[in-house]
Amino acid sequence: MKAQRSTERKYHDYDKDAFRIAPYQDKNRAHLKYQVHCKVAGKWLRRFFKSEREAKTYVDLRRIALRNEGENGLLLPDEIRVAALRAREQLKPFGKTIDDAVGFYLRHLQTERGSILVREAVDELIANRRDAGLSQRYCGDLQIRLRRFVNTFGERSVASITAKDIDSWLESLGVGPVTRNTFRRDVRTLFSFCYKRNYCAENPAVAAIRAKEPSREVEVLTVDQAKKLLASSSLEMLPYWAVGMFAGLRPSEIRQLEWADVDFEDALITVRSTKTGRKRFVKMQPNLTRWLEPFRTRDGKVVSPVNFRKQEEEDRTAAGLGDHWPQNALRHSFGSYWLAQFNDINALALLMGNSPAVIERHYKRAVRPKEAHKYWALTPDTITEKDRGKVIATIAAATA
């Protein structure tokens, strides 16, 4: 049987424009005594209450919502209102509003939509660097390190990677602090590239933790070690050792150096950075000119042995340096001996392509001036007869 409801039309004059409160009777819901009629967006809605007081409280709250939010506010389900209140309380300590949160997340979603997979971004970066004319060696090293990043995150979007992800990955590499920082630098390069292409909203690698590298004195070759290395060198590797020791070029810079870049008339070497492609000029000291003079008529690469790594190791072993080779020994030796001899930090910074601060920090007080004088006096004819191999004898005769 259909429930019997009151037909009484004695509505309270509470808010005639929006709300009406009336008694309510239904034997199936005997606990409900009052009903509220409210018109929202052209439709009448009804709510039921146990008492007139509850009905009036409801009307008061709805009137406030109507005034603050309009008709749409009245239509919001209770769960949305509860979620909004909870969000507001959670954001309050940070001084942010729900609108701030929504705006931030929308930007994230828009970036995510325009993002690409990490493996695709790495391919784009390497292609970009090659097109920009950076050296094959630099691009190769960059690709090797970033491939390890791709092995972990390759199928994720660039925009989804966080600083925490990068920190965890760096820790998993199991390498020393210097190598770890090298990987961090390359990942930072990747995300800087992606940020410029709008694949991510920020560069998360900037916030990744940089490992603390142990502070240690720069190690250099002693004068006797330098002499033995030059005396034991093979013919194809001799320019490599000489340019490294007496011009301070990075190993990668020496290996891309052409004989056309060596100006014997003006005693200048033109160096093209493997990273930036920029040029700098290094003044050749007289002893370096003596070492390179027999090769003056050559063209092509300054260093071009068939198996560079093997020949490099053989020369170092022949000189008694196979067991211990100081890190970046040639360049560090050049910087340290040059500064001790000429005492000009700014000039050395230009020669080495570093900042004066780096020169001050690493090369000052590394060697004594007396040893520097001996170092810059090393020429083919200073190698004693007993130490002269066939190569050195030939060079000494050519430069006599």
Protein backbone atom coordinates (compact mmCIF):
# COMPACT_ATOMS: atom_id res chain seq x y z
CA MET A 1 0.00 0.00 0.00
CA LYS A 2 1.31 3.40 -0.94
CA ALA A 3 2.57 5.44 2.01
CA GLN A 4 0.26 8.20 3.18
CA ARG A 5 1.90 11.61 3.25
CA SER A 6 0.63 14.86 4.66
CA THR A 7 -1.12 17.12 2.20
CA GLU A 8 -0.79 20.04 4.52
CA ARG A 9 0.42 23.15 2.66
CA LYS A 10 1.24 25.26 5.71
CA TYR A 11 4.85 26.00 4.71
CA HIS A 12 6.86 28.14 7.10
CA ASP A 13 7.72 31.57 5.82
CA TYR A 14 11.45 30.86 6.20
CA ASP A 15 12.91 31.77 2.84
CA LYS A 16 10.19 31.90 0.20
CA ASP A 17 12.66 32.47 -2.66
CA ALA A 18 14.69 29.30 -2.12
CA PHE A 19 13.54 27.12 0.79
CA ARG A 20 10.29 25.85 2.29
CA ILE A 21 9.92 23.86 5.52
CA ALA A 22 6.83 21.75 6.05
CA PRO A 23 5.64 18.96 8.38
CA TYR A 24 6.06 15.45 7.01
CA GLN A 25 4.30 12.18 7.80
CA ASP A 26 5.06 8.68 6.53
CA LYS A 27 4.21 5.61 8.59
CA ASN A 28 7.14 3.75 7.00
CA ARG A 29 9.49 6.51 8.18
CA ALA A 30 7.77 7.62 11.33
CA HIS A 31 10.98 9.12 12.79
CA LEU A 32 11.02 11.85 10.10
CA LYS A 33 8.80 14.80 10.99
CA TYR A 34 9.85 17.67 8.67
CA GLN A 35 10.79 18.17 5.07
CA VAL A 36 12.66 20.94 3.29
CA HIS A 37 11.83 21.90 -0.30
CA CYS A 38 14.52 23.84 -2.10
CA LYS A 39 14.68 24.90 -5.72
CA VAL A 40 18.12 24.56 -7.32
CA ALA A 41 18.89 25.18 -11.00
CA GLY A 42 15.14 25.13 -11.75
CA LYS A 43 14.51 21.80 -10.00
CA TRP A 44 12.80 21.14 -6.68
CA LEU A 45 14.74 19.01 -4.20
CA ARG A 46 13.55 17.53 -0.89
CA ARG A 47 15.37 16.64 2.31
CA PHE A 48 13.82 15.04 5.43
CA PHE A 49 14.60 15.65 9.13
CA LYS A 50 13.62 14.40 12.59
CA SER A 51 12.87 17.85 13.95
CA GLU A 52 12.08 21.35 12.83
CA ARG A 53 15.36 22.52 14.40
CA GLU A 54 17.40 20.18 12.18
CA ALA A 55 15.47 21.40 9.15
CA LYS A 56 16.13 25.03 9.99
CA THR A 57 19.84 24.32 10.58
CA TYR A 58 20.04 22.66 7.20
CA VAL A 59 18.34 25.67 5.56
CA ASP A 60 20.78 28.05 7.30
CA LEU A 61 23.77 26.11 5.96
CA ARG A 62 22.30 25.90 2.47
CA ARG A 63 21.58 29.63 2.42
CA ILE A 64 25.23 30.32 3.29
CA ALA A 65 26.36 27.98 0.52
CA LEU A 66 23.97 29.61 -1.90
CA ARG A 67 25.32 33.06 -1.06
CA ASN A 68 28.99 31.99 -1.25
CA GLU A 69 28.97 29.48 -4.06
CA GLY A 70 25.75 29.94 -6.05
CA GLU A 71 23.40 27.14 -7.08
CA ASN A 72 26.27 24.79 -8.03
CA GLY A 73 27.41 24.83 -4.43
CA LEU A 74 24.09 23.38 -3.32
CA LEU A 75 24.46 20.49 -5.75
CA LEU A 76 27.87 19.33 -4.41
CA PRO A 77 27.69 15.84 -2.85
CA ASP A 78 28.66 15.64 0.81
CA GLU A 79 31.76 13.54 0.08
CA ILE A 80 33.15 16.29 -2.16
CA ARG A 81 32.58 18.88 0.54
CA VAL A 82 34.31 16.66 3.11
CA ALA A 83 37.27 16.12 0.73
CA ALA A 84 37.52 19.85 0.09
CA LEU A 85 37.56 20.65 3.81
CA ARG A 86 40.23 17.99 4.41
CA ALA A 87 42.36 19.31 1.55
CA ARG A 88 42.07 22.86 2.84
CA GLU A 89 43.31 21.80 6.28
CA GLN A 90 46.22 19.85 4.80
CA LEU A 91 47.30 22.80 2.65
CA LYS A 92 46.95 25.42 5.40
CA PRO A 93 50.40 24.80 7.03
CA PHE A 94 52.01 25.51 3.64
CA GLY A 95 50.06 28.69 3.02
CA LYS A 96 48.44 27.21 -0.08
CA THR A 97 44.83 26.94 -1.23
CA ILE A 98 42.90 24.26 -3.06
CA ASP A 99 43.10 26.43 -6.17
CA ASP A 100 46.90 26.47 -5.82
CA ALA A 101 46.96 22.68 -5.55
CA VAL A 102 44.67 22.19 -8.53
CA GLY A 103 46.69 24.63 -10.64
CA PHE A 104 49.95 22.86 -9.76
CA TYR A 105 48.55 19.42 -10.56
CA LEU A 106 47.02 20.59 -13.83
CA ARG A 107 50.40 21.93 -14.92
CA HIS A 108 51.92 18.56 -14.01
CA LEU A 109 49.27 16.71 -16.03
CA GLN A 110 49.76 19.01 -19.00
CA THR A 111 53.54 18.46 -18.84
CA GLU A 112 53.02 14.71 -18.46
CA ARG A 113 50.79 14.73 -21.54
CA GLY A 114 53.51 16.49 -23.55
CA SER A 115 56.35 14.38 -22.13
CA ILE A 116 58.19 11.49 -23.80
CA LEU A 117 59.85 8.29 -22.63
CA VAL A 118 63.29 8.55 -21.04
CA ARG A 119 64.85 6.34 -23.72
CA GLU A 120 63.47 8.65 -26.42
CA ALA A 121 64.81 11.72 -24.62
CA VAL A 122 68.31 10.21 -24.41
CA ASP A 123 68.28 9.48 -28.14
CA GLU A 124 67.19 13.07 -28.83
CA LEU A 125 69.93 14.48 -26.58
CA ILE A 126 72.72 12.45 -28.20
CA ALA A 127 71.51 13.40 -31.69
CA ASN A 128 71.33 17.04 -30.63
CA ARG A 129 74.89 17.02 -29.29
CA ARG A 130 76.23 15.38 -32.43
CA ASP A 131 74.40 17.85 -34.64
CA ALA A 132 75.90 20.66 -32.54
CA GLY A 133 79.38 19.45 -33.51
CA LEU A 134 80.51 18.05 -30.17
CA SER A 135 83.22 15.42 -30.39
CA GLN A 136 82.52 11.78 -31.06
CA ARG A 137 84.34 10.86 -27.87
CA TYR A 138 82.21 13.18 -25.71
CA CYS A 139 78.98 11.96 -27.29
CA GLY A 140 80.08 8.36 -26.91
CA ASP A 141 80.91 8.73 -23.21
CA LEU A 142 77.65 10.59 -22.58
CA GLN A 143 75.67 7.86 -24.34
CA ILE A 144 77.40 5.04 -22.43
CA ARG A 145 76.57 6.56 -19.04
CA LEU A 146 73.00 7.54 -19.93
CA ARG A 147 72.33 4.04 -21.28
CA ARG A 148 72.62 2.82 -17.70
CA PHE A 149 69.95 5.35 -16.77
CA VAL A 150 67.79 4.08 -19.63
CA ASN A 151 68.18 0.49 -18.39
CA THR A 152 66.35 1.53 -15.21
CA PHE A 153 63.95 4.26 -16.33
CA GLY A 154 63.73 3.87 -20.10
CA GLU A 155 60.00 3.11 -20.26
CA ARG A 156 58.95 5.85 -17.86
CA SER A 157 58.05 9.36 -18.96
CA VAL A 158 60.59 12.10 -18.36
CA ALA A 159 58.03 14.10 -16.35
CA SER A 160 57.52 11.23 -13.89
CA ILE A 161 61.16 11.03 -12.72
CA THR A 162 61.84 12.57 -9.30
CA ALA A 163 64.96 13.59 -7.42
CA LYS A 164 64.38 10.60 -5.13
CA ASP A 165 64.39 8.28 -8.16
CA ILE A 166 67.72 9.71 -9.29
CA ASP A 167 69.26 9.48 -5.81
CA SER A 168 68.24 5.82 -5.52
CA TRP A 169 69.65 5.08 -8.95
CA LEU A 170 72.97 6.79 -8.17
CA GLU A 171 73.28 4.77 -4.96
CA SER A 172 72.62 1.55 -6.87
CA LEU A 173 75.57 2.13 -9.22
CA GLY A 174 78.07 1.04 -6.58
CA VAL A 175 80.78 3.45 -7.76
CA GLY A 176 83.05 5.92 -6.01
CA PRO A 177 82.04 9.55 -5.31
CA VAL A 178 83.88 11.03 -8.29
CA THR A 179 82.32 8.59 -10.76
CA ARG A 180 78.92 8.98 -9.11
CA ASN A 181 79.11 12.75 -9.56
CA THR A 182 80.01 12.24 -13.21
CA PHE A 183 76.83 10.19 -13.70
CA ARG A 184 74.83 12.85 -11.82
CA ARG A 185 76.25 15.54 -14.10
CA ASP A 186 75.20 13.66 -17.23
CA VAL A 187 71.68 13.02 -15.89
CA ARG A 188 71.47 16.71 -15.03
CA THR A 189 72.45 17.50 -18.62
CA LEU A 190 69.67 15.20 -19.86
CA PHE A 191 66.96 16.85 -17.77
CA SER A 192 68.18 20.34 -18.57
CA PHE A 193 67.72 19.45 -22.23
CA CYS A 194 64.26 18.01 -21.50
CA TYR A 195 63.20 21.07 -19.51
CA LYS A 196 64.03 23.32 -22.45
CA ARG A 197 61.85 21.13 -24.66
CA ASN A 198 58.95 21.16 -22.15
CA TYR A 199 59.19 17.43 -21.46
CA CYS A 200 59.31 18.12 -17.71
CA ALA A 201 58.27 20.94 -15.38
CA GLU A 202 61.65 21.08 -13.60
CA ASN A 203 65.09 19.50 -13.54
CA PRO A 204 64.96 16.86 -10.75
CA ALA A 205 68.69 16.11 -11.04
CA VAL A 206 69.46 19.55 -9.59
CA ALA A 207 68.02 18.39 -6.26
CA ALA A 208 69.78 15.00 -6.41
CA ILE A 209 72.49 14.67 -3.75
CA ARG A 210 76.04 15.35 -4.87
CA ALA A 211 78.53 12.92 -3.33
CA LYS A 212 81.30 14.34 -1.20
CA GLU A 213 84.56 13.78 -3.00
CA PRO A 214 87.64 13.14 -0.87
CA SER A 215 89.97 16.10 -0.76
CA ARG A 216 93.48 15.16 -1.83
CA GLU A 217 96.57 16.80 -3.15
CA VAL A 218 97.06 16.82 -6.90
CA GLU A 219 99.55 14.10 -7.86
CA VAL A 220 102.11 14.90 -10.53
CA LEU A 221 104.88 13.07 -12.30
CA THR A 222 108.30 13.68 -10.83
CA VAL A 223 110.93 15.05 -13.18
CA ASP A 224 112.60 11.62 -13.27
CA GLN A 225 109.28 9.89 -14.06
CA ALA A 226 108.56 12.35 -16.85
CA LYS A 227 112.04 11.77 -18.28
CA LYS A 228 111.65 7.98 -18.17
CA LEU A 229 108.25 8.13 -19.84
CA LEU A 230 109.58 10.25 -22.70
CA ALA A 231 112.65 8.04 -23.04
CA SER A 232 110.56 4.86 -23.14
CA SER A 233 107.91 6.14 -25.50
CA SER A 234 107.03 4.57 -28.80
CA LEU A 235 107.29 6.82 -31.86
CA GLU A 236 103.51 7.07 -32.40
CA MET A 237 102.80 7.93 -28.74
CA LEU A 238 105.60 10.43 -28.16
CA PRO A 239 103.57 13.50 -29.31
CA TYR A 240 100.79 12.42 -26.93
CA TRP A 241 103.09 12.37 -23.90
CA ALA A 242 104.89 15.58 -24.88
CA VAL A 243 101.73 17.61 -25.59
CA GLY A 244 100.12 16.35 -22.39
CA MET A 245 103.13 17.14 -20.22
CA PHE A 246 104.15 20.47 -21.72
CA ALA A 247 100.88 21.94 -23.09
CA GLY A 248 98.38 20.58 -20.56
CA LEU A 249 95.70 19.46 -23.01
CA ARG A 250 93.11 17.00 -21.79
CA PRO A 251 93.56 13.44 -23.11
CA SER A 252 90.40 13.81 -25.22
CA GLU A 253 91.70 17.11 -26.64
CA ILE A 254 95.05 15.57 -27.60
CA ARG A 255 93.38 12.67 -29.39
CA GLN A 256 91.32 14.99 -31.58
CA LEU A 257 94.26 17.35 -32.23
CA GLU A 258 95.41 17.69 -35.85
CA TRP A 259 98.94 18.62 -36.94
CA ALA A 260 97.31 21.56 -38.73
CA ASP A 261 96.41 22.87 -35.24
CA VAL A 262 100.11 23.03 -34.27
CA ASP A 263 101.63 26.32 -35.45
CA PHE A 264 105.42 25.98 -35.23
CA GLU A 265 106.01 29.51 -36.54
CA ASP A 266 104.03 31.23 -33.79
CA ALA A 267 104.54 28.41 -31.27
CA LEU A 268 100.78 28.08 -30.72
CA ILE A 269 98.44 25.09 -30.42
CA THR A 270 94.78 25.63 -31.27
CA VAL A 271 92.61 23.58 -28.93
CA ARG A 272 88.93 22.87 -29.59
CA SER A 273 87.03 21.84 -26.48
CA THR A 274 85.42 18.41 -26.70
CA LYS A 275 82.53 19.70 -24.58
CA THR A 276 81.72 23.19 -25.84
CA GLY A 277 83.43 23.26 -29.22
CA ARG A 278 85.06 26.59 -28.28
CA LYS A 279 88.67 27.34 -29.16
CA ARG A 280 91.54 28.35 -26.93
CA PHE A 281 95.22 28.84 -27.71
CA VAL A 282 98.12 27.31 -25.81
CA LYS A 283 101.60 28.77 -26.10
CA MET A 284 104.21 26.11 -26.76
CA GLN A 285 107.24 26.23 -24.50
CA PRO A 286 110.64 25.83 -26.22
CA ASN A 287 111.14 22.28 -24.93
CA LEU A 288 107.79 21.16 -26.39
CA THR A 289 108.77 22.57 -29.77
CA ARG A 290 111.96 20.48 -29.60
CA TRP A 291 109.97 17.32 -28.92
CA LEU A 292 107.55 17.93 -31.77
CA GLU A 293 110.01 19.26 -34.37
CA PRO A 294 110.69 15.85 -36.03
CA PHE A 295 106.94 15.51 -36.72
CA ARG A 296 106.63 18.96 -38.29
CA THR A 297 105.92 17.76 -41.81
CA ARG A 298 103.18 15.34 -40.79
CA ASP A 299 99.48 15.85 -41.33
CA GLY A 300 96.34 14.23 -39.95
CA LYS A 301 95.94 13.30 -36.32
CA VAL A 302 98.75 14.13 -33.89
CA VAL A 303 98.13 10.79 -32.15
CA SER A 304 96.96 7.86 -34.25
CA PRO A 305 98.26 4.48 -33.06
CA VAL A 306 96.25 1.47 -34.19
CA ASN A 307 95.52 0.45 -30.58
CA PHE A 308 95.82 3.54 -28.41
CA ARG A 309 94.97 1.92 -25.05
CA LYS A 310 97.40 -0.95 -25.54
CA GLN A 311 100.26 1.31 -26.64
CA GLU A 312 99.62 3.75 -23.79
CA GLU A 313 99.84 0.93 -21.25
CA GLU A 314 103.01 -0.48 -22.83
CA ASP A 315 104.76 2.91 -22.67
CA ARG A 316 103.78 3.44 -19.04
CA THR A 317 104.95 -0.05 -18.10
CA ALA A 318 108.28 0.45 -19.89
CA ALA A 319 108.77 3.63 -17.84
CA GLY A 320 108.04 1.79 -14.57
CA LEU A 321 104.67 3.53 -14.16
CA GLY A 322 102.42 0.58 -14.86
CA ASP A 323 101.52 -0.06 -11.20
CA HIS A 324 100.73 3.52 -10.26
CA TRP A 325 99.58 6.21 -12.61
CA PRO A 326 98.44 9.47 -10.95
CA GLN A 327 94.94 10.64 -11.90
CA ASN A 328 95.10 12.94 -14.93
CA ALA A 329 98.87 12.85 -14.51
CA LEU A 330 99.90 14.76 -17.65
CA ARG A 331 97.54 17.70 -17.24
CA HIS A 332 98.12 17.99 -13.50
CA SER A 333 101.88 17.92 -14.04
CA PHE A 334 101.67 20.67 -16.64
CA GLY A 335 99.53 22.93 -14.44
CA SER A 336 101.63 22.43 -11.32
CA TYR A 337 105.03 22.87 -12.96
CA TRP A 338 103.85 25.82 -15.09
CA LEU A 339 102.50 27.71 -12.08
CA ALA A 340 105.69 27.07 -10.09
CA GLN A 341 107.78 28.34 -13.02
CA PHE A 342 105.75 31.36 -14.17
CA ASN A 343 103.58 32.19 -11.12
CA ASP A 344 100.59 33.57 -13.05
CA ILE A 345 97.25 32.00 -12.06
CA ASN A 346 95.14 33.96 -14.53
CA ALA A 347 97.38 33.12 -17.48
CA LEU A 348 97.40 29.43 -16.54
CA ALA A 349 93.59 29.46 -16.28
CA LEU A 350 93.39 30.66 -19.89
CA LEU A 351 95.86 28.02 -21.08
CA MET A 352 94.03 25.17 -19.34
CA GLY A 353 90.48 26.35 -19.95
CA ASN A 354 89.73 26.46 -16.20
CA SER A 355 88.71 29.20 -13.80
CA PRO A 356 91.35 30.94 -11.66
CA ALA A 357 89.62 29.47 -8.58
CA VAL A 358 90.23 25.93 -9.86
CA ILE A 359 93.88 26.75 -10.54
CA GLU A 360 94.28 28.24 -7.06
CA ARG A 361 92.65 25.25 -5.41
CA HIS A 362 94.47 22.46 -7.25
CA TYR A 363 97.82 23.61 -8.54
CA LYS A 364 99.27 26.18 -6.15
CA ARG A 365 102.13 24.82 -4.00
CA ALA A 366 102.06 21.43 -5.77
CA VAL A 367 105.77 21.50 -6.73
CA ARG A 368 108.87 23.52 -5.85
CA PRO A 369 110.29 26.12 -8.28
CA LYS A 370 113.61 24.24 -8.41
CA GLU A 371 111.88 21.12 -9.72
CA ALA A 372 109.85 23.21 -12.16
CA HIS A 373 113.06 24.57 -13.70
CA LYS A 374 114.29 21.00 -14.31
CA TYR A 375 110.92 19.99 -15.76
CA TRP A 376 110.87 22.75 -18.37
CA ALA A 377 114.45 21.96 -19.30
CA LEU A 378 113.54 18.42 -20.41
CA THR A 379 114.43 18.08 -24.10
CA PRO A 380 115.48 15.10 -26.27
CA ASP A 381 119.16 15.87 -25.73
CA THR A 382 118.80 15.84 -21.94
CA ILE A 383 118.04 12.11 -22.06
CA THR A 384 121.30 10.34 -21.18
CA GLU A 385 122.92 7.89 -23.60
CA LYS A 386 122.10 4.85 -21.48
CA ASP A 387 118.40 5.80 -21.37
CA ARG A 388 118.07 6.58 -25.05
CA GLY A 389 116.06 4.15 -27.08
CA LYS A 390 116.03 4.19 -30.87
CA VAL A 391 113.22 6.75 -30.96
CA ILE A 392 114.89 9.25 -28.65
CA ALA A 393 118.24 8.91 -30.40
CA THR A 394 116.55 9.72 -33.71
CA ILE A 395 114.73 12.73 -32.26
CA ALA A 396 117.84 14.05 -30.49
CA ALA A 397 119.73 13.91 -33.77
CA ALA A 398 116.91 15.61 -35.65
CA THR A 399 116.72 18.51 -33.21
CA ALA A 400 120.45 18.98 -32.61
